[in-house]
Protein backbone atom coordinates (compact mmCIF):
# COMPACT_ATOMS: atom_id res chain seq x y z
CA MET A 1 -22.70 11.11 -13.75
CA SER A 2 -21.19 13.81 -11.54
CA ASN A 3 -17.58 13.45 -10.37
CA LEU A 4 -18.77 12.92 -6.78
CA ASN A 5 -21.25 10.21 -7.68
CA ASN A 6 -18.65 8.58 -9.89
CA GLU A 7 -16.18 8.74 -7.06
CA ARG A 8 -18.62 7.02 -4.66
CA VAL A 9 -19.22 4.21 -7.20
CA LEU A 10 -15.54 3.61 -7.84
CA LEU A 11 -14.74 3.75 -4.12
CA SER A 12 -17.87 2.03 -2.91
CA ARG A 13 -16.24 -0.25 -0.35
CA TYR A 14 -14.47 2.75 1.26
CA TYR A 15 -17.65 4.86 1.40
CA ASN A 16 -19.76 1.97 2.62
CA ILE A 17 -17.42 1.55 5.63
CA LEU A 18 -17.41 5.30 6.28
CA GLU A 19 -21.21 5.31 6.34
CA GLU A 20 -21.33 2.17 8.45
CA ASN A 21 -23.14 0.16 5.73
CA GLN A 22 -20.23 -2.30 5.66
CA ILE A 23 -17.66 -3.73 8.10
CA ALA A 24 -14.01 -2.98 7.50
CA GLY A 25 -12.17 -5.86 5.97
CA TYR A 26 -9.86 -6.51 8.86
CA LEU A 27 -12.85 -6.81 11.23
CA GLN A 28 -14.41 -9.30 8.80
CA CYS A 29 -11.23 -11.37 8.97
CA LYS A 30 -11.17 -11.01 12.76
CA HIS A 31 -14.74 -12.42 12.96
CA THR A 32 -14.15 -15.28 10.50
CA ALA A 33 -13.38 -18.55 12.32
CA VAL A 34 -10.45 -20.63 11.14
CA SER A 35 -9.05 -23.69 12.83
CA PHE A 36 -5.30 -24.33 12.60
CA LYS A 37 -2.33 -25.53 14.59
CA ASN A 38 1.01 -23.76 14.88
CA SER A 39 2.51 -27.15 14.06
CA ASP A 40 0.72 -27.24 10.74
CA SER A 41 3.00 -27.01 7.67
CA THR A 42 3.16 -23.63 5.89
CA GLU A 43 1.68 -25.19 2.83
CA LYS A 44 -1.28 -26.45 4.84
CA LEU A 45 -1.80 -22.99 6.36
CA TRP A 46 -1.86 -21.40 2.94
CA GLN A 47 -4.45 -23.87 1.77
CA LYS A 48 -6.63 -22.96 4.78
CA HIS A 49 -6.00 -19.30 4.23
CA ASP A 50 -6.95 -19.27 0.55
CA LYS A 51 -10.09 -21.29 1.24
CA SER A 52 -11.13 -18.98 4.09
CA CYS A 53 -10.55 -15.84 2.06
CA GLN A 54 -13.07 -17.23 -0.53
CA GLU A 55 -15.61 -18.14 2.17
CA ILE A 56 -15.81 -15.20 4.62
CA LYS A 57 -18.34 -16.11 7.27
CA ILE A 58 -18.71 -13.42 9.89
CA ASN A 59 -19.42 -14.53 13.45
CA GLU A 60 -21.10 -12.14 15.88
CA ASN A 61 -18.40 -12.81 18.41
CA ILE A 62 -14.68 -13.00 17.84
CA PRO A 63 -13.83 -16.67 17.45
CA ARG A 64 -11.01 -18.43 19.32
CA GLN A 65 -9.02 -18.50 16.07
CA SER A 66 -9.71 -16.20 13.22
CA LEU A 67 -8.58 -15.58 9.66
CA LEU A 68 -6.70 -12.63 10.95
CA ASP A 69 -4.88 -14.87 13.38
CA LEU A 70 -4.00 -17.18 10.47
CA LYS A 71 -2.66 -14.29 8.51
CA ASN A 72 -0.56 -13.17 11.43
CA GLU A 73 0.85 -16.69 11.78
CA LEU A 74 1.78 -16.82 8.10
CA ALA A 75 3.34 -13.38 8.28
CA SER A 76 5.39 -14.41 11.33
CA ARG A 77 6.86 -17.28 9.30
CA ILE A 78 7.69 -15.01 6.38
CA PHE A 79 9.34 -12.61 8.82
CA LYS A 80 11.84 -15.33 9.67
CA GLN A 81 12.72 -15.89 6.01
CA CYS A 82 11.64 -12.61 4.61
CA CYS A 83 9.97 -12.42 1.24
CA PHE A 84 7.43 -9.68 1.95
CA CYS A 85 8.69 -7.81 -1.11
CA GLU A 86 9.95 -9.04 -4.45
CA ARG A 87 13.60 -8.67 -3.46
CA LYS A 88 13.06 -11.79 -1.42
CA CYS A 89 16.21 -11.37 0.76
CA ARG A 90 15.21 -14.50 2.76
CA VAL A 91 16.80 -13.18 5.95
CA ASP A 92 15.55 -13.84 9.45
CA ARG A 93 14.38 -10.35 10.34
CA GLY A 94 14.66 -11.16 14.03
CA LYS A 95 18.44 -11.25 13.50
CA LYS A 96 19.24 -9.01 10.60
CA SER A 97 17.73 -6.74 7.96
CA GLY A 98 17.57 -7.15 4.25
CA PHE A 99 17.64 -4.48 1.52
CA CYS A 100 14.92 -2.42 3.22
CA GLY A 101 17.02 -1.93 6.42
CA VAL A 102 13.98 -2.89 8.60
CA ARG A 103 14.33 -5.37 11.41
CA LYS A 104 11.87 -4.28 14.10
CA SER A 105 9.20 -1.89 12.85
CA ARG A 106 9.80 1.70 13.81
CA VAL A 107 7.25 4.50 13.43
CA ALA A 108 8.87 7.65 12.07
CA SER A 109 5.66 9.65 12.58
CA GLU A 110 1.92 9.33 13.08
CA PHE A 111 -0.62 12.10 12.72
CA LEU A 112 -3.81 13.33 11.10
CA HIS A 113 -2.77 14.14 7.53
CA TYR A 114 -4.55 16.78 5.52
CA GLY A 115 -2.40 16.57 2.44
CA GLU A 116 -3.82 13.41 0.89
CA GLU A 117 -6.59 13.12 -1.67
CA ASN A 118 -9.77 15.00 -0.65
CA MET A 119 -11.90 11.94 -0.01
CA LEU A 120 -9.29 10.58 2.37
CA ILE A 121 -8.68 13.46 4.69
CA PRO A 122 -8.22 13.75 7.52
CA SER A 123 -6.22 10.52 7.16
CA TYR A 124 -4.49 8.88 10.09
CA THR A 125 -1.08 8.27 8.51
CA ILE A 126 1.41 5.97 10.12
CA PHE A 127 4.83 6.50 8.53
CA PHE A 128 7.43 3.68 8.87
CA SER A 129 11.09 4.17 8.25
CA GLY A 130 12.89 1.94 5.71
CA CYS A 131 11.91 1.10 2.17
CA THR A 132 11.99 -1.61 -0.43
CA PHE A 133 13.15 0.94 -3.05
CA ASN A 134 16.19 3.20 -3.25
CA CYS A 135 14.74 6.08 -5.35
CA VAL A 136 17.43 8.59 -6.15
CA PHE A 137 14.79 11.37 -6.13
CA CYS A 138 12.97 10.35 -2.90
CA GLN A 139 11.29 13.25 -1.20
CA ASN A 140 11.07 11.26 2.09
CA TRP A 141 14.68 10.06 1.91
CA ASP A 142 15.26 11.02 5.56
CA ILE A 143 12.96 8.19 6.70
CA SER A 144 13.02 5.86 3.65
CA GLN A 145 16.79 5.48 3.38
CA GLN A 146 17.64 5.30 7.04
CA ILE A 147 16.05 3.60 10.05
CA CYS A 148 14.65 6.07 12.50
CA GLY A 149 11.56 6.65 14.62
CA ILE A 150 10.29 4.93 17.74
CA ASP A 151 9.18 1.49 18.82
CA ILE A 152 5.44 1.67 19.52
CA LYS A 153 3.87 -1.51 20.87
CA PRO A 154 0.96 -2.83 18.76
CA ALA A 155 -1.49 -2.43 21.65
CA LYS A 156 -0.38 1.19 22.07
CA LEU A 157 -0.77 1.89 18.38
CA ALA A 158 -4.22 0.31 18.43
CA ASP A 159 -5.19 2.75 21.17
CA LEU A 160 -3.87 5.61 19.05
CA ILE A 161 -6.00 4.45 16.09
CA SER A 162 -9.09 4.54 18.32
CA LYS A 163 -8.07 8.05 19.58
CA ARG A 164 -7.42 9.41 16.11
CA GLU A 165 -10.82 8.10 14.97
CA THR A 166 -12.54 10.13 17.68
CA GLN A 167 -10.53 13.12 16.46
CA GLY A 168 -11.99 12.74 12.93
CA ALA A 169 -9.76 10.32 11.14
CA ARG A 170 -11.59 8.77 8.13
CA ASN A 171 -9.07 5.92 7.70
CA VAL A 172 -5.80 4.37 8.77
CA ASN A 173 -3.19 4.96 6.17
CA TRP A 174 -0.15 2.62 6.36
CA VAL A 175 2.76 4.29 4.56
CA GLY A 176 6.53 4.77 4.76
CA GLY A 177 9.09 4.46 3.39
CA ASP A 178 6.87 1.57 2.51
CA PRO A 179 4.56 -0.51 4.65
CA THR A 180 5.53 -3.83 3.03
CA PRO A 181 8.35 -4.87 5.45
CA ASN A 182 6.05 -4.02 8.36
CA LEU A 183 3.19 -6.36 7.50
CA LEU A 184 3.58 -8.54 10.56
CA TYR A 185 3.54 -5.48 12.86
CA ILE A 186 0.47 -4.18 11.09
CA PHE A 187 -1.42 -7.46 11.66
CA GLU A 188 -0.29 -7.56 15.32
CA THR A 189 -1.70 -4.05 15.67
CA LEU A 190 -4.98 -4.85 13.91
CA LYS A 191 -5.51 -7.83 16.18
CA GLN A 192 -5.77 -5.29 19.01
CA CYS A 193 -8.12 -3.01 17.12
CA ASN A 194 -11.94 -2.92 17.06
CA SER A 195 -12.63 0.36 15.16
CA ASN A 196 -14.74 0.12 12.05
CA ILE A 197 -12.41 2.23 10.03
CA PRO A 198 -11.07 1.67 6.45
CA GLN A 199 -7.58 0.38 6.06
CA ILE A 200 -5.43 1.99 3.34
CA TRP A 201 -2.30 0.31 1.86
CA ASN A 202 -0.14 3.25 0.67
CA SER A 203 2.66 1.50 -1.20
CA ASN A 204 5.05 1.37 -4.10
CA MET A 205 3.47 -2.06 -4.71
CA TYR A 206 6.77 -3.99 -5.02
CA CYS A 207 5.05 -6.67 -2.90
CA SER A 208 5.53 -10.42 -3.27
CA ASN A 209 2.62 -12.69 -4.19
CA GLU A 210 2.61 -13.87 -0.61
CA THR A 211 2.07 -10.35 0.70
CA MET A 212 -0.69 -9.57 -1.77
CA LYS A 213 -2.49 -12.78 -0.64
CA LEU A 214 -2.14 -11.76 3.03
CA LEU A 215 -3.51 -8.30 2.24
CA LYS A 216 -6.63 -9.77 0.64
CA GLY A 217 -9.64 -9.09 2.81
CA VAL A 218 -7.73 -6.76 5.15
CA VAL A 219 -7.06 -3.73 2.93
CA ASP A 220 -10.11 -1.77 1.91
CA LEU A 221 -8.41 0.76 -0.32
CA TYR A 222 -5.08 0.45 -2.16
CA LEU A 223 -3.39 3.87 -2.59
CA THR A 224 -0.69 2.82 -5.00
CA ASP A 225 2.33 4.30 -6.68
CA PHE A 226 2.92 3.51 -10.40
CA LYS A 227 6.15 5.21 -11.26
CA TYR A 228 7.72 3.71 -14.37
CA GLY A 229 6.66 2.49 -17.86
CA ASN A 230 9.73 0.34 -18.41
CA ASN A 231 12.26 -1.65 -16.45
CA LYS A 232 15.33 0.33 -17.46
CA CYS A 233 14.06 3.53 -15.79
CA ALA A 234 13.04 1.61 -12.69
CA LYS A 235 16.41 0.01 -12.39
CA ASN A 236 18.29 3.25 -12.95
CA LEU A 237 16.26 5.46 -10.64
CA SER A 238 14.87 3.08 -7.94
CA LYS A 239 17.26 0.11 -8.13
CA ALA A 240 14.28 -2.17 -8.73
CA ASP A 241 14.45 -5.25 -11.06
CA ASN A 242 11.52 -6.55 -13.17
CA TYR A 243 9.48 -3.50 -12.15
CA VAL A 244 6.78 -3.46 -14.80
CA GLU A 245 5.86 -7.11 -14.59
CA ILE A 246 5.61 -7.00 -10.76
CA ILE A 247 3.76 -3.72 -10.51
CA GLN A 248 1.25 -4.61 -13.23
CA ARG A 249 0.58 -7.97 -11.59
CA ASN A 250 0.03 -6.42 -8.18
CA HIS A 251 -2.20 -3.68 -9.53
CA LYS A 252 -4.43 -6.24 -11.15
CA THR A 253 -4.62 -8.16 -7.87
CA ALA A 254 -5.40 -5.03 -5.87
CA HIS A 255 -8.02 -4.01 -8.38
CA GLY A 256 -9.81 -7.24 -7.85
CA ASN A 257 -9.54 -7.20 -4.00
CA GLY A 258 -10.58 -3.67 -3.00
CA ASP A 259 -10.96 -0.03 -4.12
CA ILE A 260 -7.92 1.51 -5.72
CA ILE A 261 -6.49 4.98 -6.26
CA ILE A 262 -3.29 5.04 -8.36
CA ARG A 263 -0.81 7.86 -8.09
CA HIS A 264 1.55 8.66 -10.94
CA LEU A 265 4.27 11.26 -10.48
CA ILE A 266 5.20 13.04 -13.68
CA MET A 267 8.95 13.31 -13.95
CA PRO A 268 10.93 15.59 -16.37
CA ASN A 269 12.02 13.90 -19.59
CA HIS A 270 10.02 10.73 -18.77
CA ILE A 271 6.81 11.54 -20.61
CA GLU A 272 7.24 9.10 -23.47
CA CYS A 273 9.07 6.32 -21.63
CA CYS A 274 7.13 6.34 -18.42
CA SER A 275 4.02 8.56 -18.05
CA LYS A 276 2.27 7.58 -21.28
CA PRO A 277 2.89 3.84 -20.99
CA VAL A 278 1.65 3.88 -17.45
CA ILE A 279 -1.49 5.75 -18.22
CA ARG A 280 -2.20 3.65 -21.28
CA TRP A 281 -1.82 0.42 -19.29
CA ILE A 282 -4.19 1.66 -16.63
CA ALA A 283 -6.80 2.64 -19.22
CA ASP A 284 -6.56 -0.80 -20.87
CA ASN A 285 -6.39 -2.95 -17.69
CA LEU A 286 -7.98 -1.14 -14.72
CA PRO A 287 -11.13 0.49 -15.93
CA ASN A 288 -12.54 1.16 -12.40
CA ALA A 289 -9.39 2.60 -10.91
CA MET A 290 -9.09 6.24 -10.06
CA LEU A 291 -5.90 8.05 -11.13
CA ASN A 292 -4.16 10.94 -9.47
CA ILE A 293 -1.66 12.59 -11.83
CA MET A 294 0.90 14.32 -9.58
CA ALA A 295 2.77 17.35 -10.85
CA GLN A 296 4.81 18.26 -7.78
CA TYR A 297 8.09 16.56 -8.70
CA ARG A 298 11.09 18.46 -7.56
CA PRO A 299 14.73 17.23 -7.55
CA GLU A 300 15.52 15.92 -4.06
CA TYR A 301 18.08 13.52 -2.47
CA HIS A 302 20.48 12.53 -5.29
CA ALA A 303 18.31 13.71 -8.21
CA ASN A 304 20.74 16.44 -9.19
CA GLU A 305 23.31 13.79 -10.08
CA TYR A 306 20.96 12.51 -12.83
CA ALA A 307 20.73 14.93 -15.75
CA ASP A 308 17.27 13.75 -16.90
CA ILE A 309 15.53 14.44 -13.60
CA SER A 310 17.58 17.32 -12.23
CA ARG A 311 14.81 19.90 -12.81
CA PRO A 312 11.07 20.24 -12.00
CA ILE A 313 8.59 19.35 -14.79
CA ASN A 314 7.57 22.23 -17.16
CA ILE A 315 4.12 23.35 -18.20
CA ASP A 316 4.38 21.60 -21.57
CA GLU A 317 5.03 18.24 -19.99
CA LEU A 318 2.05 18.63 -17.73
CA LYS A 319 -0.22 19.71 -20.51
CA THR A 320 0.88 16.77 -22.64
CA ILE A 321 -0.04 14.26 -19.97
CA LYS A 322 -3.32 15.99 -19.05
CA GLU A 323 -4.39 15.89 -22.74
CA TYR A 324 -3.33 12.30 -23.09
CA GLU A 325 -5.28 11.31 -20.02
CA LYS A 326 -8.48 12.96 -21.34
CA GLN A 327 -8.06 11.12 -24.72
CA LEU A 328 -8.11 7.76 -22.81
CA ASN A 329 -11.13 8.72 -20.60
CA ILE A 330 -9.27 8.03 -17.36
CA GLN A 331 -11.12 8.53 -14.13
CA GLU A 332 -8.90 11.25 -12.69
CA ILE A 333 -9.10 12.78 -9.18
């Protein structure tokens, strides 16, 4: 099978939406009727949510209450005791921020991006400021490690999505920083949208179980980041606890709920401890995932303070990973 044909099989949901053979997930949720009350307990709402996600029934007209409305209500409750990511700060984000620094969502930039994977471009990328990680080598540290950008009302951003689609956007690419703290804002925006355009979740995947459940049915393609092969490196370089268990769990969930492209950034001196274990796990557990091995690491932000990652990767490190990947028959982009 040619690479292009294989790509279309592995990303069938994405291509079906692009070719108008399928409705984008968020529109399916928007057209799926769900009856609930704002006075219902959170437990009862989750029960209705999970049942509705298993029984998508698309109505021709938008119902009075939809599955997307229910997801929005659950997200609004999480927002008041935040556990969108696995740090689970439990703060009321209307009053204060947690680790990510995000209270009200702020858009650092939005534009048609031509630097993503070929099948995604032009991609309408919406960059949020703030992040659930504190990577010492972050190349976007100016927006991930400080809150910046502007407040764009959901209705305005919905209009921009429609505009960018007419300009050639193939998808909406929610990124950051990280999109996770901004899930409520994303749902509020999608409630205003009607474009049949794929939704991409471009994330470090340090999401909570609750967030992964809310993303089900909405996200068409997960564009994920799998950085580390062990918890020690994750703690040292991104200040993230229990990384491997959380990221593996969420990748399995994403793999079952939509198309998936996994990015792995090769870092100097982390071939044996990180790159090889990550690639091996993907080969063993996610046979239909596409992998993008990224070789563009350069020391940014505080990286020069860490001897192991204070230089770019060398040709031998790249060749080692490329050969290892071929041995495992990974579906590489």
